[in-house]
Amino acid sequence: MRIILSFLLFTLSLFSVELELNKTYEGPVKLTVSSLGANMGVPPHWKAVAKQGEGLVLFQDSSKDTIILRSKQFNVNAALRYLNETHYLKNSLKIFPQERIVKINQHIFRRAYTSNGGSNRASQLVYIVVGSQSRAVVINVMYDKKNESAIKAISMNIAQALSFTATPQLKSLERNLDSRLKGLHVAYIKRDGAYDEKRELWLCSNRRYLIQEDRTVAGGMSRVKEQKLGYWAFENDQLVLQGDDGLDRLIKVELKDNALLFDGLRGYELNNRKCQ
């Protein structure tokens, strides 16, 4: 963890360089792809070159280990489906998923792969970093097994340091949604296993919020009600609820046919009699 934090802080301190095709960069360097709104770091002692149709290739002169980054249009569900599939790499090499998908955080997922589908320790890793606006980066890591510990640390550093910035279109959408959310009172129902969960959310203009959850066991045998307070913000198409109890919650907000969706569920806007 200390290595990752050190690399993240070091990457933040670097000036960003716009990525160009077929140009070799030597780490440490921070690269930007403005058209994608993506920033990534190249670690010390590594080189990087972007090739048409191949992605950004990271390599070392002293080993055959390679890390390839490619942009994709993925949300979280699409990313998980991708990690459950077999894939073909360069030279028709087929890799098979092994072990379980590891959720690093809300935006980063990893799975080990093997090129023979057997039970041998995998020499392939695939990360997917999911950003806003369905932007994502797939990171394919190919390495010699004797370098496993080092390459896992390096690839984790790269995934953690990768970030997305809002494109002009996204910034405009966020401003419009933020204005619409202020003073909002909305209700939506989420089905969770044997439970129906009704949520009511009040988003006050002073950035305070109240959320009321009414969970009912299927059949109406019992009911649980909870109320929570805190502060809210809207960032990268997510409603960030920072609870007074110290717990944070992220809710994905989308606008479809002029209706608000909360974690994919249709929200019903009501009169707000608690706050403005």
C-alpha atoms as a PDB file:
ATOM      1  CA  MET A   1       0.000   0.000   0.000  1.00  0.00           C
ATOM      2  CA  ARG A   2       2.853   2.405   0.791  1.00  0.00           C
ATOM      3  CA  ILE A   3       4.386   1.734  -2.664  1.00  0.00           C
ATOM      4  CA  ILE A   4       1.069   2.455  -4.395  1.00  0.00           C
ATOM      5  CA  LEU A   5       0.497   5.683  -2.442  1.00  0.00           C
ATOM      6  CA  SER A   6       4.045   6.836  -3.178  1.00  0.00           C
ATOM      7  CA  PHE A   7       3.593   6.226  -6.898  1.00  0.00           C
ATOM      8  CA  LEU A   8       0.222   8.003  -6.921  1.00  0.00           C
ATOM      9  CA  LEU A   9       1.628  11.091  -5.199  1.00  0.00           C
ATOM     10  CA  PHE A  10       4.657  11.089  -7.503  1.00  0.00           C
ATOM     11  CA  THR A  11       2.434  10.848 -10.595  1.00  0.00           C
ATOM     12  CA  LEU A  12       0.306  13.767  -9.412  1.00  0.00           C
ATOM     13  CA  SER A  13       3.436  15.924  -9.131  1.00  0.00           C
ATOM     14  CA  LEU A  14       4.444  15.353 -12.773  1.00  0.00           C
ATOM     15  CA  PHE A  15       3.532  17.627 -15.651  1.00  0.00           C
ATOM     16  CA  SER A  16       1.302  15.865 -18.145  1.00  0.00           C
ATOM     17  CA  VAL A  17       2.482  15.151 -21.713  1.00  0.00           C
ATOM     18  CA  GLU A  18       0.027  14.649 -24.592  1.00  0.00           C
ATOM     19  CA  LEU A  19       0.403  11.128 -25.990  1.00  0.00           C
ATOM     20  CA  GLU A  20       1.560  10.828 -29.622  1.00  0.00           C
ATOM     21  CA  LEU A  21       1.550   7.732 -31.818  1.00  0.00           C
ATOM     22  CA  ASN A  22       4.842   5.877 -32.406  1.00  0.00           C
ATOM     23  CA  LYS A  23       6.786   8.053 -29.977  1.00  0.00           C
ATOM     24  CA  THR A  24       8.702   6.329 -27.186  1.00  0.00           C
ATOM     25  CA  TYR A  25       8.395   7.748 -23.668  1.00  0.00           C
ATOM     26  CA  GLU A  26      10.622   6.860 -20.719  1.00  0.00           C
ATOM     27  CA  GLY A  27       9.243   6.737 -17.199  1.00  0.00           C
ATOM     28  CA  PRO A  28       8.591   8.333 -14.919  1.00  0.00           C
ATOM     29  CA  VAL A  29       6.189  10.321 -17.064  1.00  0.00           C
ATOM     30  CA  LYS A  30       2.498  11.239 -16.952  1.00  0.00           C
ATOM     31  CA  LEU A  31       0.658  10.836 -20.265  1.00  0.00           C
ATOM     32  CA  THR A  32      -2.651  12.386 -21.304  1.00  0.00           C
ATOM     33  CA  VAL A  33      -5.094  11.482 -24.070  1.00  0.00           C
ATOM     34  CA  SER A  34      -7.246  14.612 -24.261  1.00  0.00           C
ATOM     35  CA  SER A  35      -9.791  13.098 -26.664  1.00  0.00           C
ATOM     36  CA  LEU A  36     -10.577  10.396 -24.086  1.00  0.00           C
ATOM     37  CA  GLY A  37     -10.100  12.560 -21.006  1.00  0.00           C
ATOM     38  CA  ALA A  38      -7.675   9.936 -19.658  1.00  0.00           C
ATOM     39  CA  ASN A  39      -4.403  10.323 -17.721  1.00  0.00           C
ATOM     40  CA  MET A  40      -1.931   7.542 -16.934  1.00  0.00           C
ATOM     41  CA  GLY A  41       1.506   7.172 -15.411  1.00  0.00           C
ATOM     42  CA  VAL A  42       4.515   5.290 -16.779  1.00  0.00           C
ATOM     43  CA  PRO A  43       6.639   3.963 -13.850  1.00  0.00           C
ATOM     44  CA  PRO A  44      10.407   4.522 -13.520  1.00  0.00           C
ATOM     45  CA  HIS A  45      12.573   2.118 -15.580  1.00  0.00           C
ATOM     46  CA  TRP A  46       9.687   1.452 -17.989  1.00  0.00           C
ATOM     47  CA  LYS A  47       9.146   2.724 -21.526  1.00  0.00           C
ATOM     48  CA  ALA A  48       5.900   3.310 -23.401  1.00  0.00           C
ATOM     49  CA  VAL A  49       4.886   3.633 -27.046  1.00  0.00           C
ATOM     50  CA  ALA A  50       1.408   4.023 -28.553  1.00  0.00           C
ATOM     51  CA  LYS A  51       0.815   1.957 -31.682  1.00  0.00           C
ATOM     52  CA  GLN A  52      -2.130   2.226 -34.040  1.00  0.00           C
ATOM     53  CA  GLY A  53      -4.509  -0.676 -33.470  1.00  0.00           C
ATOM     54  CA  GLU A  54      -2.478  -2.048 -30.536  1.00  0.00           C
ATOM     55  CA  GLY A  55      -2.905   0.497 -27.760  1.00  0.00           C
ATOM     56  CA  LEU A  56      -0.293   1.874 -25.392  1.00  0.00           C
ATOM     57  CA  VAL A  57       2.486  -0.687 -24.866  1.00  0.00           C
ATOM     58  CA  LEU A  58       4.681  -0.526 -21.743  1.00  0.00           C
ATOM     59  CA  PHE A  59       7.895  -2.529 -21.725  1.00  0.00           C
ATOM     60  CA  GLN A  60      11.388  -2.877 -20.242  1.00  0.00           C
ATOM     61  CA  ASP A  61      14.644  -3.518 -22.060  1.00  0.00           C
ATOM     62  CA  SER A  62      15.695  -5.941 -19.323  1.00  0.00           C
ATOM     63  CA  SER A  63      12.693  -8.317 -19.538  1.00  0.00           C
ATOM     64  CA  LYS A  64       9.939  -9.593 -21.818  1.00  0.00           C
ATOM     65  CA  ASP A  65       7.202  -8.396 -19.447  1.00  0.00           C
ATOM     66  CA  THR A  66       4.704  -6.143 -21.220  1.00  0.00           C
ATOM     67  CA  ILE A  67       1.662  -4.128 -20.170  1.00  0.00           C
ATOM     68  CA  ILE A  68      -0.841  -3.028 -22.834  1.00  0.00           C
ATOM     69  CA  LEU A  69      -3.545  -0.419 -22.253  1.00  0.00           C
ATOM     70  CA  ARG A  70      -6.545  -0.118 -24.583  1.00  0.00           C
ATOM     71  CA  SER A  71      -9.569   2.161 -24.353  1.00  0.00           C
ATOM     72  CA  LYS A  72     -13.071   0.655 -24.304  1.00  0.00           C
ATOM     73  CA  GLN A  73     -16.697   1.762 -23.957  1.00  0.00           C
ATOM     74  CA  PHE A  74     -17.660  -0.112 -20.768  1.00  0.00           C
ATOM     75  CA  ASN A  75     -19.823   0.395 -17.732  1.00  0.00           C
ATOM     76  CA  VAL A  76     -19.270  -1.807 -14.669  1.00  0.00           C
ATOM     77  CA  ASN A  77     -21.620  -4.576 -15.858  1.00  0.00           C
ATOM     78  CA  ALA A  78     -19.926  -4.740 -19.257  1.00  0.00           C
ATOM     79  CA  ALA A  79     -16.521  -4.837 -17.552  1.00  0.00           C
ATOM     80  CA  LEU A  80     -17.550  -7.832 -15.429  1.00  0.00           C
ATOM     81  CA  ARG A  81     -18.891  -9.652 -18.479  1.00  0.00           C
ATOM     82  CA  TYR A  82     -15.601  -9.017 -20.273  1.00  0.00           C
ATOM     83  CA  LEU A  83     -13.638 -10.533 -17.381  1.00  0.00           C
ATOM     84  CA  ASN A  84     -15.767 -13.691 -17.553  1.00  0.00           C
ATOM     85  CA  GLU A  85     -14.852 -14.352 -21.188  1.00  0.00           C
ATOM     86  CA  THR A  86     -11.891 -15.872 -23.005  1.00  0.00           C
ATOM     87  CA  HIS A  87      -9.878 -13.527 -25.234  1.00  0.00           C
ATOM     88  CA  TYR A  88      -7.445 -13.625 -28.120  1.00  0.00           C
ATOM     89  CA  LEU A  89      -4.245 -11.624 -27.852  1.00  0.00           C
ATOM     90  CA  LYS A  90      -1.523 -10.895 -30.392  1.00  0.00           C
ATOM     91  CA  ASN A  91      -0.365 -13.874 -32.507  1.00  0.00           C
ATOM     92  CA  SER A  92      -3.745 -15.587 -31.908  1.00  0.00           C
ATOM     93  CA  LEU A  93      -2.823 -16.412 -28.285  1.00  0.00           C
ATOM     94  CA  LYS A  94      -5.984 -17.433 -26.437  1.00  0.00           C
ATOM     95  CA  ILE A  95      -6.261 -16.721 -22.708  1.00  0.00           C
ATOM     96  CA  PHE A  96      -8.754 -18.223 -20.268  1.00  0.00           C
ATOM     97  CA  PRO A  97     -10.086 -16.675 -17.028  1.00  0.00           C
ATOM     98  CA  GLN A  98      -8.850 -18.253 -13.803  1.00  0.00           C
ATOM     99  CA  GLU A  99      -9.657 -17.761 -10.110  1.00  0.00           C
ATOM    100  CA  ARG A 100     -12.192 -15.063  -9.204  1.00  0.00           C
ATOM    101  CA  ILE A 101     -12.660 -11.463 -10.235  1.00  0.00           C
ATOM    102  CA  VAL A 102     -10.997  -9.188  -7.676  1.00  0.00           C
ATOM    103  CA  LYS A 103     -12.768  -5.910  -6.969  1.00  0.00           C
ATOM    104  CA  ILE A 104     -10.023  -3.422  -6.074  1.00  0.00           C
ATOM    105  CA  ASN A 105     -12.518  -0.592  -5.555  1.00  0.00           C
ATOM    106  CA  GLN A 106     -15.703   0.767  -7.175  1.00  0.00           C
ATOM    107  CA  HIS A 107     -13.900   1.413 -10.463  1.00  0.00           C
ATOM    108  CA  ILE A 108     -11.063  -1.142 -10.750  1.00  0.00           C
ATOM    109  CA  PHE A 109     -11.441  -4.886 -11.337  1.00  0.00           C
ATOM    110  CA  ARG A 110      -8.805  -7.570 -11.934  1.00  0.00           C
ATOM    111  CA  ARG A 111      -8.713 -11.203 -12.968  1.00  0.00           C
ATOM    112  CA  ALA A 112      -5.931 -13.717 -13.497  1.00  0.00           C
ATOM    113  CA  TYR A 113      -5.781 -15.533 -16.836  1.00  0.00           C
ATOM    114  CA  THR A 114      -3.807 -18.423 -18.258  1.00  0.00           C
ATOM    115  CA  SER A 115      -2.910 -19.126 -21.863  1.00  0.00           C
ATOM    116  CA  ASN A 116      -3.559 -22.873 -21.650  1.00  0.00           C
ATOM    117  CA  GLY A 117      -6.776 -23.052 -19.615  1.00  0.00           C
ATOM    118  CA  GLY A 118      -5.136 -25.390 -17.134  1.00  0.00           C
ATOM    119  CA  SER A 119      -4.568 -25.102 -13.419  1.00  0.00           C
ATOM    120  CA  ASN A 120      -1.046 -23.677 -13.643  1.00  0.00           C
ATOM    121  CA  ARG A 121      -0.410 -20.319 -12.049  1.00  0.00           C
ATOM    122  CA  ALA A 122      -1.520 -17.630 -14.464  1.00  0.00           C
ATOM    123  CA  SER A 123       1.043 -15.534 -16.282  1.00  0.00           C
ATOM    124  CA  GLN A 124      -1.578 -13.083 -17.493  1.00  0.00           C
ATOM    125  CA  LEU A 125      -3.486 -10.422 -15.590  1.00  0.00           C
ATOM    126  CA  VAL A 126      -6.318  -8.277 -16.897  1.00  0.00           C
ATOM    127  CA  TYR A 127      -7.395  -5.072 -15.175  1.00  0.00           C
ATOM    128  CA  ILE A 128     -10.350  -2.913 -16.154  1.00  0.00           C
ATOM    129  CA  VAL A 129     -10.520   0.663 -14.905  1.00  0.00           C
ATOM    130  CA  VAL A 130     -14.034   2.086 -15.385  1.00  0.00           C
ATOM    131  CA  GLY A 131     -14.549   5.837 -15.550  1.00  0.00           C
ATOM    132  CA  SER A 132     -17.510   8.140 -16.090  1.00  0.00           C
ATOM    133  CA  GLN A 133     -19.412   8.411 -19.380  1.00  0.00           C
ATOM    134  CA  SER A 134     -18.868   4.656 -19.978  1.00  0.00           C
ATOM    135  CA  ARG A 135     -15.151   5.258 -20.550  1.00  0.00           C
ATOM    136  CA  ALA A 136     -12.832   2.451 -19.542  1.00  0.00           C
ATOM    137  CA  VAL A 137      -9.288   1.181 -20.002  1.00  0.00           C
ATOM    138  CA  VAL A 138      -8.419  -2.525 -20.264  1.00  0.00           C
ATOM    139  CA  ILE A 139      -4.913  -3.343 -19.019  1.00  0.00           C
ATOM    140  CA  ASN A 140      -3.400  -6.623 -20.221  1.00  0.00           C
ATOM    141  CA  VAL A 141      -0.351  -7.712 -18.228  1.00  0.00           C
ATOM    142  CA  MET A 142       1.912 -10.444 -19.647  1.00  0.00           C
ATOM    143  CA  TYR A 143       4.846 -11.495 -17.473  1.00  0.00           C
ATOM    144  CA  ASP A 144       7.395 -14.139 -16.591  1.00  0.00           C
ATOM    145  CA  LYS A 145       6.259 -16.029 -13.499  1.00  0.00           C
ATOM    146  CA  LYS A 146       9.555 -15.375 -11.727  1.00  0.00           C
ATOM    147  CA  ASN A 147       8.675 -11.658 -11.807  1.00  0.00           C
ATOM    148  CA  GLU A 148       5.168 -12.157 -10.462  1.00  0.00           C
ATOM    149  CA  SER A 149       5.453 -10.156  -7.220  1.00  0.00           C
ATOM    150  CA  ALA A 150       7.110  -7.166  -8.875  1.00  0.00           C
ATOM    151  CA  ILE A 151       4.788  -7.078 -11.885  1.00  0.00           C
ATOM    152  CA  LYS A 152       1.673  -7.294  -9.712  1.00  0.00           C
ATOM    153  CA  ALA A 153       2.836  -4.295  -7.702  1.00  0.00           C
ATOM    154  CA  ILE A 154       3.730  -2.308 -10.836  1.00  0.00           C
ATOM    155  CA  SER A 155       0.454  -3.102 -12.642  1.00  0.00           C
ATOM    156  CA  MET A 156      -1.551  -2.211  -9.534  1.00  0.00           C
ATOM    157  CA  ASN A 157       0.289   1.121  -9.395  1.00  0.00           C
ATOM    158  CA  ILE A 158      -0.591   1.826 -13.032  1.00  0.00           C
ATOM    159  CA  ALA A 159      -4.273   0.932 -12.545  1.00  0.00           C
ATOM    160  CA  GLN A 160      -4.564   3.046  -9.386  1.00  0.00           C
ATOM    161  CA  ALA A 161      -2.835   6.038 -10.991  1.00  0.00           C
ATOM    162  CA  LEU A 162      -5.042   5.986 -14.109  1.00  0.00           C
ATOM    163  CA  SER A 163      -7.696   8.701 -13.986  1.00  0.00           C
ATOM    164  CA  PHE A 164     -10.398  10.280 -16.115  1.00  0.00           C
ATOM    165  CA  THR A 165     -11.217  13.955 -16.455  1.00  0.00           C
ATOM    166  CA  ALA A 166     -14.535  15.287 -17.654  1.00  0.00           C
ATOM    167  CA  THR A 167     -14.809  16.077 -21.356  1.00  0.00           C
ATOM    168  CA  PRO A 168     -16.594  19.343 -22.282  1.00  0.00           C
ATOM    169  CA  GLN A 169     -19.799  17.414 -23.059  1.00  0.00           C
ATOM    170  CA  LEU A 170     -19.695  15.677 -19.680  1.00  0.00           C
ATOM    171  CA  LYS A 171     -19.034  18.935 -17.815  1.00  0.00           C
ATOM    172  CA  SER A 172     -22.109  20.494 -19.429  1.00  0.00           C
ATOM    173  CA  LEU A 173     -24.247  17.450 -18.557  1.00  0.00           C
ATOM    174  CA  GLU A 174     -22.989  17.469 -14.968  1.00  0.00           C
ATOM    175  CA  ARG A 175     -23.843  21.137 -14.543  1.00  0.00           C
ATOM    176  CA  ASN A 176     -27.365  20.534 -15.817  1.00  0.00           C
ATOM    177  CA  LEU A 177     -27.899  17.475 -13.617  1.00  0.00           C
ATOM    178  CA  ASP A 178     -26.444  19.202 -10.563  1.00  0.00           C
ATOM    179  CA  SER A 179     -28.943  22.055 -11.013  1.00  0.00           C
ATOM    180  CA  ARG A 180     -31.801  19.585 -11.375  1.00  0.00           C
ATOM    181  CA  LEU A 181     -30.807  17.662  -8.251  1.00  0.00           C
ATOM    182  CA  LYS A 182     -30.820  20.746  -6.004  1.00  0.00           C
ATOM    183  CA  GLY A 183     -33.998  20.816  -3.926  1.00  0.00           C
ATOM    184  CA  LEU A 184     -35.101  17.455  -5.322  1.00  0.00           C
ATOM    185  CA  HIS A 185     -37.422  15.042  -3.521  1.00  0.00           C
ATOM    186  CA  VAL A 186     -37.448  11.693  -5.306  1.00  0.00           C
ATOM    187  CA  ALA A 187     -38.653   8.159  -4.573  1.00  0.00           C
ATOM    188  CA  TYR A 188     -37.674   4.852  -6.177  1.00  0.00           C
ATOM    189  CA  ILE A 189     -38.036   1.161  -5.358  1.00  0.00           C
ATOM    190  CA  LYS A 190     -35.213  -1.359  -5.441  1.00  0.00           C
ATOM    191  CA  ARG A 191     -35.766  -5.117  -5.468  1.00  0.00           C
ATOM    192  CA  ASP A 192     -33.064  -6.853  -3.396  1.00  0.00           C
ATOM    193  CA  GLY A 193     -33.470 -10.616  -3.097  1.00  0.00           C
ATOM    194  CA  ALA A 194     -36.465 -11.285  -0.870  1.00  0.00           C
ATOM    195  CA  TYR A 195     -36.880  -7.593  -0.060  1.00  0.00           C
ATOM    196  CA  ASP A 196     -38.548  -4.602  -1.655  1.00  0.00           C
ATOM    197  CA  GLU A 197     -36.680  -1.454  -0.634  1.00  0.00           C
ATOM    198  CA  LYS A 198     -38.344   1.918  -1.061  1.00  0.00           C
ATOM    199  CA  ARG A 199     -36.012   4.884  -0.917  1.00  0.00           C
ATOM    200  CA  GLU A 200     -36.956   8.517  -0.567  1.00  0.00           C
ATOM    201  CA  LEU A 201     -34.268  11.104  -1.020  1.00  0.00           C
ATOM    202  CA  TRP A 202     -34.307  14.817  -0.238  1.00  0.00           C
ATOM    203  CA  LEU A 203     -31.414  16.832  -1.695  1.00  0.00           C
ATOM    204  CA  CYS A 204     -31.387  20.298  -0.174  1.00  0.00           C
ATOM    205  CA  SER A 205     -29.917  23.351  -1.912  1.00  0.00           C
ATOM    206  CA  ASN A 206     -27.504  23.838   1.015  1.00  0.00           C
ATOM    207  CA  ARG A 207     -26.001  20.415   0.114  1.00  0.00           C
ATOM    208  CA  ARG A 208     -27.559  18.590   3.064  1.00  0.00           C
ATOM    209  CA  TYR A 209     -29.513  15.424   2.353  1.00  0.00           C
ATOM    210  CA  LEU A 210     -31.983  13.115   4.029  1.00  0.00           C
ATOM    211  CA  ILE A 211     -32.488   9.560   2.826  1.00  0.00           C
ATOM    212  CA  GLN A 212     -35.288   7.371   4.141  1.00  0.00           C
ATOM    213  CA  GLU A 213     -35.246   3.655   3.463  1.00  0.00           C
ATOM    214  CA  ASP A 214     -38.288   1.424   3.974  1.00  0.00           C
ATOM    215  CA  ARG A 215     -37.404  -2.256   3.546  1.00  0.00           C
ATOM    216  CA  THR A 216     -40.183  -4.818   3.515  1.00  0.00           C
ATOM    217  CA  VAL A 217     -39.812  -8.601   3.446  1.00  0.00           C
ATOM    218  CA  ALA A 218     -41.669 -10.151   0.523  1.00  0.00           C
ATOM    219  CA  GLY A 219     -45.178 -10.914   1.734  1.00  0.00           C
ATOM    220  CA  GLY A 220     -45.189  -7.938   4.108  1.00  0.00           C
ATOM    221  CA  MET A 221     -44.288  -9.968   7.213  1.00  0.00           C
ATOM    222  CA  SER A 222     -41.885  -7.360   8.606  1.00  0.00           C
ATOM    223  CA  ARG A 223     -40.673  -3.843   7.867  1.00  0.00           C
ATOM    224  CA  VAL A 224     -37.551  -1.878   8.708  1.00  0.00           C
ATOM    225  CA  LYS A 225     -37.309   1.925   8.448  1.00  0.00           C
ATOM    226  CA  GLU A 226     -34.104   3.956   8.551  1.00  0.00           C
ATOM    227  CA  GLN A 227     -33.270   7.623   8.112  1.00  0.00           C
ATOM    228  CA  LYS A 228     -29.802   8.988   7.416  1.00  0.00           C
ATOM    229  CA  LEU A 229     -28.446  12.526   7.119  1.00  0.00           C
ATOM    230  CA  GLY A 230     -25.337  14.002   5.566  1.00  0.00           C
ATOM    231  CA  TYR A 231     -23.937  16.106   2.745  1.00  0.00           C
ATOM    232  CA  TRP A 232     -24.308  15.445  -0.974  1.00  0.00           C
ATOM    233  CA  ALA A 233     -22.349  16.242  -4.131  1.00  0.00           C
ATOM    234  CA  PHE A 234     -22.599  15.270  -7.797  1.00  0.00           C
ATOM    235  CA  GLU A 235     -19.321  14.195  -9.402  1.00  0.00           C
ATOM    236  CA  ASN A 236     -18.512  12.100 -12.487  1.00  0.00           C
ATOM    237  CA  ASP A 237     -22.176  11.094 -13.030  1.00  0.00           C
ATOM    238  CA  GLN A 238     -22.428   9.820  -9.445  1.00  0.00           C
ATOM    239  CA  LEU A 239     -24.358  11.163  -6.495  1.00  0.00           C
ATOM    240  CA  VAL A 240     -21.935  11.132  -3.562  1.00  0.00           C
ATOM    241  CA  LEU A 241     -23.652  10.875  -0.165  1.00  0.00           C
ATOM    242  CA  GLN A 242     -21.286  11.622   2.720  1.00  0.00           C
ATOM    243  CA  GLY A 243     -23.140  10.443   5.810  1.00  0.00           C
ATOM    244  CA  ASP A 244     -22.970  12.114   9.200  1.00  0.00           C
ATOM    245  CA  ASP A 245     -22.263   8.605  10.532  1.00  0.00           C
ATOM    246  CA  GLY A 246     -18.983   8.538   8.564  1.00  0.00           C
ATOM    247  CA  LEU A 247     -20.255   6.161   5.882  1.00  0.00           C
ATOM    248  CA  ASP A 248     -20.261   7.203   2.234  1.00  0.00           C
ATOM    249  CA  ARG A 249     -22.523   5.977  -0.526  1.00  0.00           C
ATOM    250  CA  LEU A 250     -22.282   6.309  -4.315  1.00  0.00           C
ATOM    251  CA  ILE A 251     -25.420   6.311  -6.487  1.00  0.00           C
ATOM    252  CA  LYS A 252     -25.119   6.398 -10.267  1.00  0.00           C
ATOM    253  CA  VAL A 253     -27.424   9.046 -11.755  1.00  0.00           C
ATOM    254  CA  GLU A 254     -28.512   9.046 -15.389  1.00  0.00           C
ATOM    255  CA  LEU A 255     -30.956  11.065 -17.450  1.00  0.00           C
ATOM    256  CA  LYS A 256     -33.054   9.033 -19.898  1.00  0.00           C
ATOM    257  CA  ASP A 257     -36.044  10.426 -21.781  1.00  0.00           C
ATOM    258  CA  ASN A 258     -36.002  13.363 -19.334  1.00  0.00           C
ATOM    259  CA  ALA A 259     -36.441  10.945 -16.398  1.00  0.00           C
ATOM    260  CA  LEU A 260     -33.843  10.499 -13.665  1.00  0.00           C
ATOM    261  CA  LEU A 261     -32.474   7.000 -13.071  1.00  0.00           C
ATOM    262  CA  PHE A 262     -30.816   6.123  -9.748  1.00  0.00           C
ATOM    263  CA  ASP A 263     -28.597   3.029 -10.038  1.00  0.00           C
ATOM    264  CA  GLY A 264     -30.624   2.216 -13.146  1.00  0.00           C
ATOM    265  CA  LEU A 265     -34.004   2.549 -11.377  1.00  0.00           C
ATOM    266  CA  ARG A 266     -36.644   5.066 -12.440  1.00  0.00           C
ATOM    267  CA  GLY A 267     -37.041   7.881  -9.932  1.00  0.00           C
ATOM    268  CA  TYR A 268     -40.378   9.623  -9.299  1.00  0.00           C
ATOM    269  CA  GLU A 269     -40.046  13.305  -8.458  1.00  0.00           C
ATOM    270  CA  LEU A 270     -42.298  14.523  -5.625  1.00  0.00           C
ATOM    271  CA  ASN A 271     -43.017  17.836  -3.936  1.00  0.00           C
ATOM    272  CA  ASN A 272     -40.275  18.754  -1.491  1.00  0.00           C
ATOM    273  CA  ARG A 273     -41.813  19.952   1.774  1.00  0.00           C
ATOM    274  CA  LYS A 274     -38.738  19.342   3.918  1.00  0.00           C
ATOM    275  CA  CYS A 275     -36.175  21.668   2.334  1.00  0.00           C
ATOM    276  CA  GLN A 276     -35.387  23.710  -0.761  1.00  0.00           C
END
